[in-house]
């Protein structure tokens, strides 16, 4: 068995700030900062149930008001938020989150987790 590969610096969080009512902000090891507003983060849930909703042409329902109750790390791979409505099956990988960054730099670059500009 070989040692697990490490994530590249652009997909490794240095700090995670959870504002339970507004957003999750991740500062990556390369200095880039990604902010995810809660509604967008919840709608981007990668769990099988949410994917099935989207595949059926339905948008997953959001609790009102939307908030995060808890966030657990999924090993070194990502995070799993628990939402106010009890939904807690989405594992958001670091690479998924970095690729989903919608900051001005990333939007302008139309970047992916591999080529996103760092900290501009």
C-alpha atoms as a PDB file:
ATOM      1  CA  UNK A   1       0.000   0.000   0.000  1.00  0.00           C
ATOM      2  CA  UNK A   2       1.334   3.422  -0.895  1.00  0.00           C
ATOM      3  CA  UNK A   3       0.978   6.611   1.101  1.00  0.00           C
ATOM      4  CA  UNK A   4      -2.030   8.722   0.074  1.00  0.00           C
ATOM      5  CA  UNK A   5      -1.358  11.604  -2.281  1.00  0.00           C
ATOM      6  CA  UNK A   6      -1.513  15.061  -0.774  1.00  0.00           C
ATOM      7  CA  UNK A   7      -3.756  17.731  -2.225  1.00  0.00           C
ATOM      8  CA  UNK A   8      -2.095  20.480  -4.247  1.00  0.00           C
ATOM      9  CA  UNK A   9      -1.780  23.796  -2.354  1.00  0.00           C
ATOM     10  CA  UNK A  10      -4.629  25.331  -4.346  1.00  0.00           C
ATOM     11  CA  UNK A  11      -6.982  22.627  -3.030  1.00  0.00           C
ATOM     12  CA  UNK A  12      -5.815  22.602   0.588  1.00  0.00           C
ATOM     13  CA  UNK A  13      -7.517  24.915   3.078  1.00  0.00           C
ATOM     14  CA  UNK A  14      -5.353  26.912   5.471  1.00  0.00           C
ATOM     15  CA  UNK A  15      -8.365  28.344   7.351  1.00  0.00           C
ATOM     16  CA  UNK A  16     -12.134  27.849   7.312  1.00  0.00           C
ATOM     17  CA  UNK A  17     -14.494  30.477   8.703  1.00  0.00           C
ATOM     18  CA  UNK A  18     -18.132  29.477   9.116  1.00  0.00           C
ATOM     19  CA  UNK A  19     -20.645  32.285   9.566  1.00  0.00           C
ATOM     20  CA  UNK A  20     -23.608  30.053  10.367  1.00  0.00           C
ATOM     21  CA  UNK A  21     -26.123  32.594   9.029  1.00  0.00           C
ATOM     22  CA  UNK A  22     -24.330  33.934   5.935  1.00  0.00           C
ATOM     23  CA  UNK A  23     -21.380  32.159   4.367  1.00  0.00           C
ATOM     24  CA  UNK A  24     -18.413  29.812   4.552  1.00  0.00           C
ATOM     25  CA  UNK A  25     -15.083  31.456   3.762  1.00  0.00           C
ATOM     26  CA  UNK A  26     -12.034  29.339   2.956  1.00  0.00           C
ATOM     27  CA  UNK A  27      -8.513  30.698   2.800  1.00  0.00           C
ATOM     28  CA  UNK A  28      -6.440  28.266   0.755  1.00  0.00           C
ATOM     29  CA  UNK A  29      -2.777  27.461   1.394  1.00  0.00           C
ATOM     30  CA  UNK A  30      -1.821  29.392  -1.747  1.00  0.00           C
ATOM     31  CA  UNK A  31      -3.426  32.546  -0.274  1.00  0.00           C
ATOM     32  CA  UNK A  32      -6.575  32.585  -2.393  1.00  0.00           C
ATOM     33  CA  UNK A  33      -9.846  33.280  -0.531  1.00  0.00           C
ATOM     34  CA  UNK A  34     -13.174  31.722  -1.551  1.00  0.00           C
ATOM     35  CA  UNK A  35     -16.504  32.843  -0.041  1.00  0.00           C
ATOM     36  CA  UNK A  36     -19.600  30.679  -0.437  1.00  0.00           C
ATOM     37  CA  UNK A  37     -22.943  32.243   0.451  1.00  0.00           C
ATOM     38  CA  UNK A  38     -25.145  29.702   2.213  1.00  0.00           C
ATOM     39  CA  UNK A  39     -27.945  29.476  -0.384  1.00  0.00           C
ATOM     40  CA  UNK A  40     -25.448  28.820  -3.197  1.00  0.00           C
ATOM     41  CA  UNK A  41     -23.534  26.323  -1.058  1.00  0.00           C
ATOM     42  CA  UNK A  42     -26.711  24.443  -0.116  1.00  0.00           C
ATOM     43  CA  UNK A  43     -27.915  24.326  -3.732  1.00  0.00           C
ATOM     44  CA  UNK A  44     -24.501  22.970  -4.769  1.00  0.00           C
ATOM     45  CA  UNK A  45     -24.809  20.024  -2.358  1.00  0.00           C
ATOM     46  CA  UNK A  46     -23.099  17.073  -4.047  1.00  0.00           C
ATOM     47  CA  UNK A  47     -25.020  14.318  -2.206  1.00  0.00           C
ATOM     48  CA  UNK A  48     -26.929  11.651  -4.120  1.00  0.00           C
ATOM     49  CA  UNK A  49     -30.319  12.944  -2.939  1.00  0.00           C
ATOM     50  CA  UNK A  50     -29.700  16.486  -4.150  1.00  0.00           C
ATOM     51  CA  UNK A  51     -28.221  15.219  -7.419  1.00  0.00           C
ATOM     52  CA  UNK A  52     -31.391  13.149  -7.935  1.00  0.00           C
ATOM     53  CA  UNK A  53     -33.530  16.260  -7.380  1.00  0.00           C
ATOM     54  CA  UNK A  54     -31.555  18.200  -9.997  1.00  0.00           C
ATOM     55  CA  UNK A  55     -31.659  15.247 -12.414  1.00  0.00           C
ATOM     56  CA  UNK A  56     -35.462  15.168 -12.060  1.00  0.00           C
ATOM     57  CA  UNK A  57     -35.624  18.879 -12.890  1.00  0.00           C
ATOM     58  CA  UNK A  58     -36.372  19.933  -9.326  1.00  0.00           C
ATOM     59  CA  UNK A  59     -34.378  22.319  -7.172  1.00  0.00           C
ATOM     60  CA  UNK A  60     -33.661  21.047  -3.653  1.00  0.00           C
ATOM     61  CA  UNK A  61     -35.788  22.875  -1.090  1.00  0.00           C
ATOM     62  CA  UNK A  62     -34.022  25.358   1.160  1.00  0.00           C
ATOM     63  CA  UNK A  63     -35.037  25.917   4.754  1.00  0.00           C
ATOM     64  CA  UNK A  64     -36.099  29.451   5.611  1.00  0.00           C
ATOM     65  CA  UNK A  65     -34.199  30.966   7.226  1.00  0.00           C
ATOM     66  CA  UNK A  66     -31.213  28.978   6.013  1.00  0.00           C
ATOM     67  CA  UNK A  67     -28.338  28.358   8.396  1.00  0.00           C
ATOM     68  CA  UNK A  68     -25.605  25.875   9.202  1.00  0.00           C
ATOM     69  CA  UNK A  69     -25.909  24.082  12.521  1.00  0.00           C
ATOM     70  CA  UNK A  70     -22.551  22.285  12.417  1.00  0.00           C
ATOM     71  CA  UNK A  71     -19.661  21.496  10.092  1.00  0.00           C
ATOM     72  CA  UNK A  72     -17.587  18.325  10.332  1.00  0.00           C
ATOM     73  CA  UNK A  73     -14.376  17.582   8.506  1.00  0.00           C
ATOM     74  CA  UNK A  74     -14.511  14.572   6.188  1.00  0.00           C
ATOM     75  CA  UNK A  75     -10.977  13.462   6.952  1.00  0.00           C
ATOM     76  CA  UNK A  76      -8.475  15.551   5.025  1.00  0.00           C
ATOM     77  CA  UNK A  77     -10.736  15.383   1.971  1.00  0.00           C
ATOM     78  CA  UNK A  78     -13.479  17.947   2.603  1.00  0.00           C
ATOM     79  CA  UNK A  79     -16.290  19.090   4.889  1.00  0.00           C
ATOM     80  CA  UNK A  80     -19.836  18.046   5.685  1.00  0.00           C
ATOM     81  CA  UNK A  81     -22.212  20.777   6.844  1.00  0.00           C
ATOM     82  CA  UNK A  82     -25.335  20.036   8.837  1.00  0.00           C
ATOM     83  CA  UNK A  83     -28.067  22.413   7.719  1.00  0.00           C
ATOM     84  CA  UNK A  84     -30.871  23.749   9.918  1.00  0.00           C
ATOM     85  CA  UNK A  85     -33.340  21.378   8.202  1.00  0.00           C
ATOM     86  CA  UNK A  86     -31.211  18.377   9.262  1.00  0.00           C
ATOM     87  CA  UNK A  87     -29.695  17.717   5.824  1.00  0.00           C
ATOM     88  CA  UNK A  88     -26.152  16.434   6.398  1.00  0.00           C
ATOM     89  CA  UNK A  89     -25.251  13.982   3.649  1.00  0.00           C
ATOM     90  CA  UNK A  90     -23.288  16.262   1.324  1.00  0.00           C
ATOM     91  CA  UNK A  91     -19.527  15.890   1.457  1.00  0.00           C
ATOM     92  CA  UNK A  92     -18.026  18.982  -0.154  1.00  0.00           C
ATOM     93  CA  UNK A  93     -14.499  18.029  -1.223  1.00  0.00           C
ATOM     94  CA  UNK A  94     -11.818  20.691  -1.112  1.00  0.00           C
ATOM     95  CA  UNK A  95     -11.275  20.302  -4.858  1.00  0.00           C
ATOM     96  CA  UNK A  96     -15.042  20.699  -5.486  1.00  0.00           C
ATOM     97  CA  UNK A  97     -15.145  23.856  -3.395  1.00  0.00           C
ATOM     98  CA  UNK A  98     -12.028  25.351  -4.975  1.00  0.00           C
ATOM     99  CA  UNK A  99     -13.361  24.643  -8.469  1.00  0.00           C
ATOM    100  CA  UNK A 100     -16.671  26.257  -7.461  1.00  0.00           C
ATOM    101  CA  UNK A 101     -15.102  29.525  -6.329  1.00  0.00           C
ATOM    102  CA  UNK A 102     -17.041  32.425  -7.847  1.00  0.00           C
ATOM    103  CA  UNK A 103     -14.807  35.302  -6.741  1.00  0.00           C
ATOM    104  CA  UNK A 104     -14.081  38.043  -9.279  1.00  0.00           C
ATOM    105  CA  UNK A 105     -10.665  36.582 -10.161  1.00  0.00           C
ATOM    106  CA  UNK A 106     -12.035  33.101 -10.733  1.00  0.00           C
ATOM    107  CA  UNK A 107     -15.079  34.340 -12.648  1.00  0.00           C
ATOM    108  CA  UNK A 108     -12.831  36.416 -14.916  1.00  0.00           C
ATOM    109  CA  UNK A 109     -10.469  33.504 -15.450  1.00  0.00           C
ATOM    110  CA  UNK A 110     -13.286  30.935 -15.726  1.00  0.00           C
ATOM    111  CA  UNK A 111     -10.887  28.847 -13.669  1.00  0.00           C
ATOM    112  CA  UNK A 112     -10.873  25.327 -12.314  1.00  0.00           C
ATOM    113  CA  UNK A 113      -9.240  23.953  -9.196  1.00  0.00           C
ATOM    114  CA  UNK A 114      -6.047  23.552 -11.207  1.00  0.00           C
ATOM    115  CA  UNK A 115      -5.676  26.960 -12.859  1.00  0.00           C
ATOM    116  CA  UNK A 116      -7.381  29.439 -10.515  1.00  0.00           C
ATOM    117  CA  UNK A 117      -5.287  32.547  -9.839  1.00  0.00           C
ATOM    118  CA  UNK A 118      -3.915  32.689  -6.330  1.00  0.00           C
ATOM    119  CA  UNK A 119      -4.725  35.578  -4.053  1.00  0.00           C
ATOM    120  CA  UNK A 120      -4.972  38.319  -6.662  1.00  0.00           C
END
